[in-house]
Protein backbone atom coordinates (compact mmCIF):
# COMPACT_ATOMS: atom_id res chain seq x y z
CA UNK A 1 58.97 -47.06 -36.38
CA UNK A 2 62.30 -45.51 -35.39
CA UNK A 3 63.11 -43.93 -32.07
CA UNK A 4 61.44 -40.67 -31.09
CA UNK A 5 63.79 -38.05 -29.65
CA UNK A 6 62.54 -35.43 -27.22
CA UNK A 7 64.14 -32.09 -28.16
CA UNK A 8 62.62 -29.75 -25.60
CA UNK A 9 59.88 -29.41 -23.01
CA UNK A 10 58.59 -26.28 -21.29
CA UNK A 11 55.52 -24.72 -19.67
CA UNK A 12 53.31 -22.41 -21.73
CA UNK A 13 51.45 -19.80 -19.70
CA UNK A 14 48.53 -17.53 -20.64
CA UNK A 15 49.61 -14.59 -22.81
CA UNK A 16 47.77 -12.06 -20.63
CA UNK A 17 46.68 -11.72 -17.03
CA UNK A 18 43.87 -14.10 -16.08
CA UNK A 19 41.70 -14.83 -13.07
CA UNK A 20 43.69 -16.10 -10.10
CA UNK A 21 41.89 -18.08 -7.44
CA UNK A 22 39.99 -21.28 -6.88
CA UNK A 23 37.46 -22.75 -9.28
CA UNK A 24 35.06 -25.13 -7.52
CA UNK A 25 34.35 -28.30 -9.47
CA UNK A 26 30.98 -29.94 -9.90
CA UNK A 27 30.32 -33.44 -8.65
CA UNK A 28 30.57 -34.66 -12.26
CA UNK A 29 34.15 -33.36 -12.47
CA UNK A 30 35.14 -35.25 -9.34
CA UNK A 31 34.00 -38.77 -10.14
CA UNK A 32 34.80 -41.27 -12.88
CA UNK A 33 37.90 -40.96 -15.04
CA UNK A 34 40.40 -38.66 -13.32
CA UNK A 35 43.38 -39.34 -15.57
CA UNK A 36 44.42 -37.48 -18.73
CA UNK A 37 42.67 -38.53 -21.94
CA UNK A 38 44.72 -38.60 -25.16
CA UNK A 39 43.83 -37.39 -28.64
CA UNK A 40 46.10 -37.43 -31.66
CA UNK A 41 46.13 -35.60 -35.02
CA UNK A 42 48.34 -36.46 -38.01
CA UNK A 43 49.17 -33.86 -40.69
CA UNK A 44 50.85 -34.38 -44.06
CA UNK A 45 53.78 -32.19 -45.11
CA UNK A 46 52.78 -28.64 -46.08
CA UNK A 47 54.96 -27.10 -48.82
CA UNK A 48 54.27 -23.56 -47.59
CA UNK A 49 55.64 -24.40 -44.15
CA UNK A 50 58.65 -26.17 -45.67
CA UNK A 51 59.76 -22.80 -47.03
CA UNK A 52 59.54 -21.15 -43.62
CA UNK A 53 62.11 -21.34 -40.79
CA UNK A 54 62.33 -24.71 -39.10
CA UNK A 55 60.78 -23.53 -35.84
CA UNK A 56 57.70 -21.90 -37.43
CA UNK A 57 55.32 -24.72 -36.55
CA UNK A 58 56.33 -25.02 -32.90
CA UNK A 59 56.19 -21.22 -32.54
CA UNK A 60 52.71 -21.21 -34.03
CA UNK A 61 51.63 -23.90 -31.57
CA UNK A 62 53.22 -22.14 -28.61
CA UNK A 63 51.94 -18.66 -29.44
CA UNK A 64 48.38 -19.69 -30.22
CA UNK A 65 48.27 -21.97 -27.18
CA UNK A 66 49.35 -19.09 -24.94
CA UNK A 67 46.59 -16.90 -26.38
CA UNK A 68 43.98 -19.65 -26.08
CA UNK A 69 44.81 -20.10 -22.39
CA UNK A 70 43.71 -16.52 -21.74
CA UNK A 71 40.17 -17.65 -22.55
CA UNK A 72 40.52 -21.19 -21.18
CA UNK A 73 42.57 -20.24 -18.11
CA UNK A 74 41.52 -23.18 -15.87
CA UNK A 75 43.62 -25.46 -18.10
CA UNK A 76 46.71 -23.51 -17.04
CA UNK A 77 45.99 -24.23 -13.36
CA UNK A 78 46.45 -27.23 -11.11
CA UNK A 79 44.11 -29.52 -9.24
CA UNK A 80 44.00 -29.10 -5.47
CA UNK A 81 42.76 -31.66 -2.99
CA UNK A 82 40.20 -30.59 -0.39
CA UNK A 83 40.31 -33.97 1.34
CA UNK A 84 37.89 -36.87 1.25
CA UNK A 85 38.20 -37.15 -2.52
CA UNK A 86 37.02 -33.57 -3.16
CA UNK A 87 38.93 -31.46 -5.67
CA UNK A 88 39.02 -27.93 -7.02
CA UNK A 89 41.13 -26.11 -9.61
CA UNK A 90 43.71 -23.62 -8.42
CA UNK A 91 43.69 -21.11 -11.28
CA UNK A 92 47.30 -20.03 -10.76
CA UNK A 93 48.45 -19.73 -14.38
CA UNK A 94 51.21 -22.30 -13.82
CA UNK A 95 50.88 -23.34 -17.46
CA UNK A 96 50.50 -26.38 -19.67
CA UNK A 97 53.32 -28.68 -20.76
CA UNK A 98 54.52 -28.34 -24.36
CA UNK A 99 56.89 -31.02 -25.68
CA UNK A 100 58.83 -30.87 -28.94
CA UNK A 101 60.01 -34.16 -30.43
CA UNK A 102 61.32 -35.55 -33.71
CA UNK A 103 61.82 -38.89 -35.41
CA UNK A 104 63.63 -40.24 -38.48
CA UNK A 105 60.48 -42.17 -39.38
CA UNK A 106 58.05 -41.10 -42.09
CA UNK A 107 54.27 -41.01 -41.84
CA UNK A 108 54.19 -44.05 -44.11
CA UNK A 109 55.86 -46.02 -41.31
CA UNK A 110 52.90 -45.56 -39.00
CA UNK A 111 50.34 -47.87 -40.56
CA UNK A 112 47.55 -48.63 -38.09
CA UNK A 113 49.73 -47.25 -35.31
CA UNK A 114 47.06 -47.28 -32.61
CA UNK A 115 47.12 -51.05 -32.59
CA UNK A 116 50.74 -51.14 -31.46
CA UNK A 117 52.16 -50.06 -28.09
CA UNK A 118 55.48 -49.18 -29.71
CA UNK A 119 53.97 -45.88 -30.91
CA UNK A 120 53.03 -44.71 -27.43
CA UNK A 121 55.96 -42.27 -27.46
CA UNK A 122 53.91 -40.09 -29.79
CA UNK A 123 51.87 -39.23 -26.71
CA UNK A 124 53.07 -37.20 -23.73
CA UNK A 125 54.12 -39.49 -20.90
CA UNK A 126 52.48 -38.86 -17.50
CA UNK A 127 53.75 -40.56 -14.37
CA UNK A 128 50.76 -41.21 -12.12
CA UNK A 129 52.64 -43.73 -10.04
CA UNK A 130 55.05 -41.30 -8.44
CA UNK A 131 53.43 -37.88 -8.99
CA UNK A 132 50.34 -36.66 -7.20
CA UNK A 133 47.65 -35.00 -9.30
CA UNK A 134 48.26 -31.62 -7.60
CA UNK A 135 51.68 -31.48 -9.29
CA UNK A 136 50.59 -32.42 -12.79
CA UNK A 137 49.68 -29.94 -15.55
CA UNK A 138 46.07 -30.30 -16.67
CA UNK A 139 47.08 -30.29 -20.33
CA UNK A 140 50.07 -31.80 -22.14
CA UNK A 141 50.79 -31.12 -25.81
CA UNK A 142 53.41 -32.95 -27.87
CA UNK A 143 54.47 -31.95 -31.38
CA UNK A 144 56.46 -34.66 -33.19
CA UNK A 145 58.12 -33.86 -36.51
CA UNK A 146 58.66 -36.66 -39.02
CA UNK A 147 61.51 -36.99 -41.51
CA UNK A 148 59.10 -36.55 -44.42
CA UNK A 149 57.88 -33.20 -43.12
CA UNK A 150 54.65 -34.52 -41.63
CA UNK A 151 53.76 -33.79 -38.06
CA UNK A 152 51.87 -35.42 -35.23
CA UNK A 153 50.06 -33.27 -32.68
CA UNK A 154 48.94 -35.15 -29.58
CA UNK A 155 47.15 -33.84 -26.53
CA UNK A 156 46.32 -35.32 -23.16
CA UNK A 157 43.87 -33.34 -21.04
CA UNK A 158 42.70 -33.97 -17.50
CA UNK A 159 39.25 -35.52 -17.38
CA UNK A 160 38.80 -33.92 -13.96
CA UNK A 161 38.36 -30.57 -15.72
CA UNK A 162 36.71 -31.34 -19.05
CA UNK A 163 34.74 -34.02 -20.84
CA UNK A 164 35.00 -34.86 -24.54
CA UNK A 165 32.75 -32.04 -25.76
CA UNK A 166 34.53 -29.42 -23.66
CA UNK A 167 37.94 -30.68 -24.83
CA UNK A 168 36.80 -30.47 -28.46
CA UNK A 169 35.57 -26.94 -27.79
CA UNK A 170 39.03 -25.95 -26.60
CA UNK A 171 40.94 -27.53 -29.49
CA UNK A 172 38.64 -26.00 -32.13
CA UNK A 173 38.99 -22.51 -30.59
CA UNK A 174 42.74 -22.96 -30.22
CA UNK A 175 43.00 -23.78 -33.93
CA UNK A 176 40.88 -20.72 -34.81
CA UNK A 177 43.24 -18.51 -32.83
CA UNK A 178 46.24 -20.09 -34.61
CA UNK A 179 44.61 -19.16 -37.93
CA UNK A 180 44.23 -15.55 -36.80
CA UNK A 181 40.48 -15.77 -36.21
CA UNK A 182 38.48 -14.59 -33.21
CA UNK A 183 36.90 -16.76 -30.55
CA UNK A 184 33.63 -18.30 -31.69
CA UNK A 185 32.09 -19.64 -28.45
CA UNK A 186 33.16 -18.17 -25.10
CA UNK A 187 33.71 -20.89 -22.47
CA UNK A 188 31.36 -20.95 -19.46
CA UNK A 189 33.05 -22.10 -16.23
CA UNK A 190 30.50 -21.64 -13.46
CA UNK A 191 29.65 -25.07 -12.01
CA UNK A 192 26.81 -23.60 -9.96
CA UNK A 193 24.48 -24.37 -12.86
CA UNK A 194 24.22 -27.84 -11.30
CA UNK A 195 22.99 -26.33 -8.03
CA UNK A 196 19.44 -25.19 -7.31
CA UNK A 197 19.94 -23.18 -4.11
CA UNK A 198 22.42 -21.09 -2.14
CA UNK A 199 25.97 -22.34 -1.96
CA UNK A 200 27.50 -23.23 1.37
CA UNK A 201 30.96 -22.08 2.39
CA UNK A 202 31.62 -25.64 3.48
CA UNK A 203 32.93 -27.56 0.42
CA UNK A 204 31.65 -30.81 1.92
CA UNK A 205 28.04 -29.68 2.14
CA UNK A 206 25.59 -29.45 -0.72
CA UNK A 207 22.42 -27.44 -0.21
CA UNK A 208 19.45 -26.37 -2.27
CA UNK A 209 18.40 -29.66 -3.81
CA UNK A 210 14.69 -30.36 -3.92
CA UNK A 211 14.23 -32.80 -1.07
CA UNK A 212 11.05 -34.18 -2.59
CA UNK A 213 12.88 -35.57 -5.62
CA UNK A 214 11.89 -39.17 -6.42
CA UNK A 215 14.03 -41.84 -4.80
CA UNK A 216 16.37 -43.75 -7.12
CA UNK A 217 18.59 -46.70 -6.29
CA UNK A 218 21.76 -45.44 -8.06
CA UNK A 219 23.13 -48.96 -8.27
CA UNK A 220 25.47 -47.82 -11.06
CA UNK A 221 27.93 -46.79 -8.36
CA UNK A 222 28.21 -50.38 -7.18
CA UNK A 223 30.99 -52.60 -8.47
CA UNK A 224 30.10 -54.44 -11.73
CA UNK A 225 29.92 -58.26 -11.82
CA UNK A 226 32.97 -60.54 -11.67
CA UNK A 227 33.38 -63.90 -13.36
CA UNK A 228 31.49 -66.77 -11.79
CA UNK A 229 33.83 -68.84 -9.64
CA UNK A 230 36.22 -65.95 -8.94
CA UNK A 231 36.35 -63.95 -5.71
CA UNK A 232 37.80 -60.81 -7.35
CA UNK A 233 38.69 -59.39 -10.76
CA UNK A 234 42.41 -59.24 -9.95
CA UNK A 235 43.33 -62.06 -12.35
CA UNK A 236 41.37 -60.47 -15.21
CA UNK A 237 43.03 -57.10 -14.65
CA UNK A 238 46.46 -58.70 -15.10
CA UNK A 239 45.80 -60.39 -18.46
CA UNK A 240 47.44 -59.02 -21.61
CA UNK A 241 45.26 -56.82 -23.79
CA UNK A 242 45.35 -55.55 -27.35
CA UNK A 243 43.49 -52.90 -29.33
CA UNK A 244 41.72 -52.81 -32.67
CA UNK A 245 39.78 -50.37 -34.82
CA UNK A 246 36.83 -51.93 -36.67
CA UNK A 247 35.08 -50.07 -39.49
CA UNK A 248 31.35 -50.13 -40.18
CA UNK A 249 29.97 -48.98 -43.53
CA UNK A 250 26.64 -47.24 -43.97
CA UNK A 251 25.12 -50.51 -45.27
CA UNK A 252 26.37 -52.46 -42.25
CA UNK A 253 25.00 -49.87 -39.85
CA UNK A 254 21.61 -49.92 -41.58
CA UNK A 255 21.63 -53.72 -41.45
CA UNK A 256 22.12 -53.70 -37.70
CA UNK A 257 19.41 -51.06 -37.24
CA UNK A 258 16.91 -53.04 -39.30
CA UNK A 259 17.77 -56.21 -37.43
CA UNK A 260 17.26 -54.54 -34.06
CA UNK A 261 14.10 -52.70 -35.06
CA UNK A 262 12.45 -55.58 -36.93
CA UNK A 263 8.88 -56.12 -35.80
CA UNK A 264 8.79 -53.11 -33.49
CA UNK A 265 6.19 -51.24 -35.50
CA UNK A 266 4.96 -47.70 -34.94
CA UNK A 267 3.35 -48.62 -31.63
CA UNK A 268 6.74 -49.56 -30.17
CA UNK A 269 7.93 -45.95 -30.20
CA UNK A 270 11.18 -44.43 -31.42
CA UNK A 271 13.45 -46.85 -33.36
CA UNK A 272 16.75 -47.79 -31.75
CA UNK A 273 19.58 -45.40 -32.49
CA UNK A 274 22.95 -46.15 -34.08
CA UNK A 275 24.60 -46.09 -30.68
CA UNK A 276 22.03 -48.45 -29.17
CA UNK A 277 22.23 -51.06 -31.91
CA UNK A 278 26.00 -50.96 -32.41
CA UNK A 279 26.60 -51.15 -28.68
CA UNK A 280 24.08 -53.96 -28.32
CA UNK A 281 25.89 -55.81 -31.11
CA UNK A 282 29.26 -55.31 -29.37
CA UNK A 283 27.88 -56.50 -26.04
CA UNK A 284 26.62 -59.74 -27.57
CA UNK A 285 29.86 -60.29 -29.50
CA UNK A 286 31.92 -59.78 -26.33
CA UNK A 287 29.85 -62.39 -24.49
CA UNK A 288 30.43 -64.87 -27.33
CA UNK A 289 34.14 -64.11 -27.71
CA UNK A 290 34.72 -64.47 -23.98
CA UNK A 291 32.80 -67.74 -23.97
CA UNK A 292 30.87 -66.70 -20.88
CA UNK A 293 28.58 -69.14 -19.14
CA UNK A 294 24.85 -68.52 -19.84
CA UNK A 295 24.19 -67.62 -16.21
CA UNK A 296 27.08 -65.10 -16.11
CA UNK A 297 25.89 -61.58 -15.09
CA UNK A 298 27.35 -58.88 -17.30
CA UNK A 299 27.20 -55.08 -17.15
CA UNK A 300 27.52 -52.44 -19.84
CA UNK A 301 28.75 -48.98 -18.88
CA UNK A 302 27.18 -46.06 -20.79
CA UNK A 303 28.25 -42.40 -20.64
CA UNK A 304 25.50 -39.82 -21.30
CA UNK A 305 25.83 -36.09 -21.97
CA UNK A 306 23.68 -34.09 -19.53
CA UNK A 307 23.78 -30.75 -21.36
CA UNK A 308 20.31 -31.09 -22.87
CA UNK A 309 18.91 -33.63 -20.40
CA UNK A 310 18.55 -31.30 -17.44
CA UNK A 311 16.29 -28.30 -16.92
CA UNK A 312 17.23 -25.69 -17.72
CA UNK A 313 19.81 -26.98 -20.25
CA UNK A 314 23.42 -26.01 -19.61
CA UNK A 315 24.62 -22.74 -21.19
CA UNK A 316 26.36 -22.88 -24.55
CA UNK A 317 30.09 -23.39 -24.11
CA UNK A 318 29.79 -25.04 -20.69
CA UNK A 319 33.40 -25.99 -19.99
CA UNK A 320 33.49 -28.92 -17.64
CA UNK A 321 32.24 -32.45 -17.22
CA UNK A 322 28.56 -32.93 -17.92
CA UNK A 323 28.57 -36.71 -18.18
CA UNK A 324 26.64 -39.23 -16.15
CA UNK A 325 27.36 -42.95 -16.29
CA UNK A 326 24.53 -45.45 -16.34
CA UNK A 327 24.67 -49.22 -16.43
CA UNK A 328 22.70 -51.76 -18.44
CA UNK A 329 22.79 -55.29 -17.07
CA UNK A 330 21.71 -58.75 -18.13
CA UNK A 331 22.99 -62.32 -18.41
CA UNK A 332 25.24 -63.63 -21.14
CA UNK A 333 22.84 -66.43 -22.06
CA UNK A 334 19.93 -64.04 -22.55
CA UNK A 335 21.98 -61.61 -24.62
CA UNK A 336 23.22 -64.33 -26.95
CA UNK A 337 20.05 -66.43 -27.29
CA UNK A 338 17.61 -63.58 -27.74
CA UNK A 339 17.38 -61.19 -30.73
CA UNK A 340 19.55 -58.11 -31.04
CA UNK A 341 16.52 -56.06 -30.02
CA UNK A 342 16.71 -57.55 -26.51
CA UNK A 343 20.22 -56.17 -25.89
CA UNK A 344 19.19 -52.85 -27.45
CA UNK A 345 16.15 -52.69 -25.16
CA UNK A 346 18.34 -53.13 -22.07
CA UNK A 347 20.49 -50.22 -23.25
CA UNK A 348 17.43 -48.08 -24.00
CA UNK A 349 16.04 -48.90 -20.57
CA UNK A 350 19.24 -47.69 -18.86
CA UNK A 351 19.40 -44.49 -20.92
CA UNK A 352 15.72 -43.58 -20.49
CA UNK A 353 16.03 -43.47 -16.70
CA UNK A 354 18.18 -40.34 -16.92
CA UNK A 355 15.60 -37.61 -16.36
CA UNK A 356 16.03 -34.22 -14.71
CA UNK A 357 14.83 -35.75 -11.44
CA UNK A 358 17.25 -38.63 -11.77
CA UNK A 359 20.17 -36.24 -12.25
CA UNK A 360 19.18 -34.22 -9.16
CA UNK A 361 18.88 -37.40 -7.16
CA UNK A 362 22.32 -38.55 -8.39
CA UNK A 363 23.90 -35.26 -7.35
CA UNK A 364 22.33 -35.53 -3.92
CA UNK A 365 23.49 -39.13 -3.56
CA UNK A 366 27.08 -38.30 -4.51
CA UNK A 367 27.34 -35.08 -2.50
CA UNK A 368 26.18 -36.95 0.58
CA UNK A 369 29.05 -39.42 0.27
CA UNK A 370 31.62 -38.91 3.00
CA UNK A 371 34.50 -39.75 0.64
CA UNK A 372 34.45 -39.61 -3.16
CA UNK A 373 37.71 -41.49 -3.63
CA UNK A 374 36.04 -44.80 -4.45
CA UNK A 375 34.25 -43.15 -7.37
CA UNK A 376 37.49 -41.90 -8.93
CA UNK A 377 39.30 -44.00 -11.51
CA UNK A 378 42.65 -42.35 -10.80
CA UNK A 379 42.88 -44.34 -7.61
CA UNK A 380 41.70 -47.44 -9.43
CA UNK A 381 44.57 -46.85 -11.87
CA UNK A 382 47.17 -46.46 -9.14
CA UNK A 383 45.95 -49.21 -6.82
CA UNK A 384 44.29 -51.66 -9.21
CA UNK A 385 41.04 -51.18 -7.37
CA UNK A 386 37.68 -49.63 -8.21
CA UNK A 387 35.15 -50.49 -10.93
CA UNK A 388 36.41 -52.82 -13.66
CA UNK A 389 34.53 -52.96 -16.96
CA UNK A 390 36.69 -55.69 -18.41
CA UNK A 391 35.70 -59.35 -18.59
CA UNK A 392 32.75 -60.05 -18.15
CA UNK A 393 31.71 -56.41 -18.65
CA UNK A 394 32.03 -53.71 -21.29
CA UNK A 395 32.00 -49.89 -21.42
CA UNK A 396 31.11 -48.20 -24.71
CA UNK A 397 31.50 -44.43 -25.08
CA UNK A 398 30.07 -42.52 -28.05
CA UNK A 399 31.94 -39.63 -29.68
CA UNK A 400 29.46 -39.52 -32.56
CA UNK A 401 28.31 -35.97 -31.80
CA UNK A 402 31.70 -34.41 -31.04
CA UNK A 403 33.36 -31.96 -33.48
CA UNK A 404 36.48 -34.09 -33.85
CA UNK A 405 37.73 -33.33 -37.33
CA UNK A 406 39.07 -30.50 -39.52
CA UNK A 407 41.46 -29.17 -36.89
CA UNK A 408 43.43 -26.66 -38.97
CA UNK A 409 46.18 -24.62 -37.30
CA UNK A 410 47.11 -22.95 -40.57
CA UNK A 411 48.77 -25.84 -42.41
CA UNK A 412 45.61 -27.67 -43.46
CA UNK A 413 43.29 -30.19 -41.84
CA UNK A 414 44.52 -33.46 -40.42
CA UNK A 415 44.65 -36.65 -42.49
CA UNK A 416 44.05 -38.82 -39.47
CA UNK A 417 42.54 -38.30 -36.05
CA UNK A 418 42.14 -40.76 -33.22
CA UNK A 419 41.22 -40.67 -29.54
CA UNK A 420 44.58 -42.27 -28.80
CA UNK A 421 45.51 -45.39 -26.91
CA UNK A 422 43.18 -47.31 -24.61
CA UNK A 423 44.77 -50.21 -22.76
CA UNK A 424 42.04 -51.35 -20.39
CA UNK A 425 40.05 -54.49 -21.13
CA UNK A 426 36.47 -53.64 -22.09
CA UNK A 427 37.22 -50.01 -23.00
CA UNK A 428 35.36 -49.22 -26.25
CA UNK A 429 34.67 -46.08 -28.27
CA UNK A 430 32.43 -45.34 -31.26
CA UNK A 431 33.57 -42.46 -33.48
CA UNK A 432 32.34 -41.12 -36.84
CA UNK A 433 34.23 -41.73 -40.07
CA UNK A 434 36.96 -39.22 -40.76
CA UNK A 435 34.93 -37.02 -43.07
CA UNK A 436 32.10 -36.83 -40.55
CA UNK A 437 29.53 -37.60 -43.24
CA UNK A 438 27.75 -40.38 -41.30
CA UNK A 439 28.61 -42.79 -44.10
CA UNK A 440 31.02 -44.81 -41.97
CA UNK A 441 31.77 -45.31 -38.31
CA UNK A 442 34.73 -46.74 -36.46
CA UNK A 443 34.72 -48.83 -33.31
CA UNK A 444 37.87 -48.69 -31.23
CA UNK A 445 38.16 -51.34 -28.55
CA UNK A 446 40.51 -52.99 -26.13
CA UNK A 447 40.07 -56.63 -25.14
CA UNK A 448 42.17 -59.37 -23.70
CA UNK A 449 44.42 -60.78 -26.42
CA UNK A 450 42.85 -64.23 -26.18
CA UNK A 451 39.43 -62.83 -27.09
CA UNK A 452 40.13 -60.25 -29.79
CA UNK A 453 40.17 -62.46 -32.89
CA UNK A 454 36.94 -64.19 -31.90
CA UNK A 455 35.34 -60.81 -31.27
CA UNK A 456 36.29 -59.62 -34.77
CA UNK A 457 34.87 -62.80 -36.28
CA UNK A 458 31.53 -62.50 -34.47
CA UNK A 459 31.40 -58.74 -35.09
CA UNK A 460 31.25 -59.16 -38.87
CA UNK A 461 29.60 -62.58 -39.10
CA UNK A 462 26.41 -61.20 -37.57
CA UNK A 463 26.15 -58.65 -40.40
CA UNK A 464 27.26 -60.61 -43.48
CA UNK A 465 24.29 -63.00 -43.85
CA UNK A 466 21.77 -60.16 -44.12
CA UNK A 467 24.00 -58.21 -46.47
CA UNK A 468 24.16 -61.14 -48.89
CA UNK A 469 20.40 -61.24 -49.25
CA UNK A 470 20.08 -57.53 -49.93
CA UNK A 471 23.20 -56.82 -51.92
């Protein structure tokens, strides 16, 4: 792909007056991934827009974005540190960054562009090394025009303000506004829905939780295992990684589900889900590809949406993070030697612990921490510290329920969508096929280069034998 040239960059502010002041963040906003998360959409040339002035598309993006920020005004603000790892949003209307770029390449030159770092310039560049998070816009948008008339729209949004579902809510409403339609679901910003009593004026105190909540260990906030024989994960963090996108057909998914659920029977309860069996399969394949010793402890990070798991459920349009991370753990030897159902059962066990009481207990545990910095991946990114779900561990996030596709700003729906680049060993994502018809799924993953080819081999070898017998 040829060089990408940045033509212009400016801040887009809300079109009308919005609330000015501080927006307290929930504990779920202030832990975990604190960096910006990328998403990318590719659009083919649109003959109608070819006939319009050259700047029509960027003006459509800018104008509709400005209008959308009136409703989603926290995105136009900035994070503000309260000390001891606590953050809030200063809703000051400073604006989001809009970047206009162009390239002499055509869409045909992209290929499977997510597998190559040379296409990273399609994404807005954010300098975490030298800039503090208080200075950074919460949303960056880059529009790249291709020689053929196609366009690439990429976004990076701060995970300190939204999770995947909230981000998808924003982009879908933004596209509706660009098409001249009215808002469908009004965003809900009040984080007090996670509190059960009166708020304190002291941002470091958390009151109102039921003190009689059951006691949980919350060991998920401990550091995951390191390789046997090593004193730290520093060496593993430094190893070269690569990415891949692996497709699963409907038949392959059903094969894995039947394999995992074989022999369970009605008395064993609800069959394992797609996420449970695919993730279990990936966990086993990673252990094999990494050639881990049988006695090697290994952890699997799982992100769960809390919106319907707490009582009462969160209001429709809740705009913030509502994700809790849980950890399944086992030993490499057990995962490999035992049936797929064993790995799936460990995942089910970790997920099933997340009850309303567990969530309350987690909030209490985190709010009682003197400093939240060690729970924030931004500092892990800057200092190479913090939890590491690379070798011998894995983290698998599901976007299966997110409204990812059909993002139409007036020039038709995208021909390709992706969650963008992920460069950290062990970082994995399961997304639906592009048409969202549940017929196919895609697994995006990042592993150390030395392990990727073996992972691909094991990933499909486990499925092929059963497919031959049936088909």
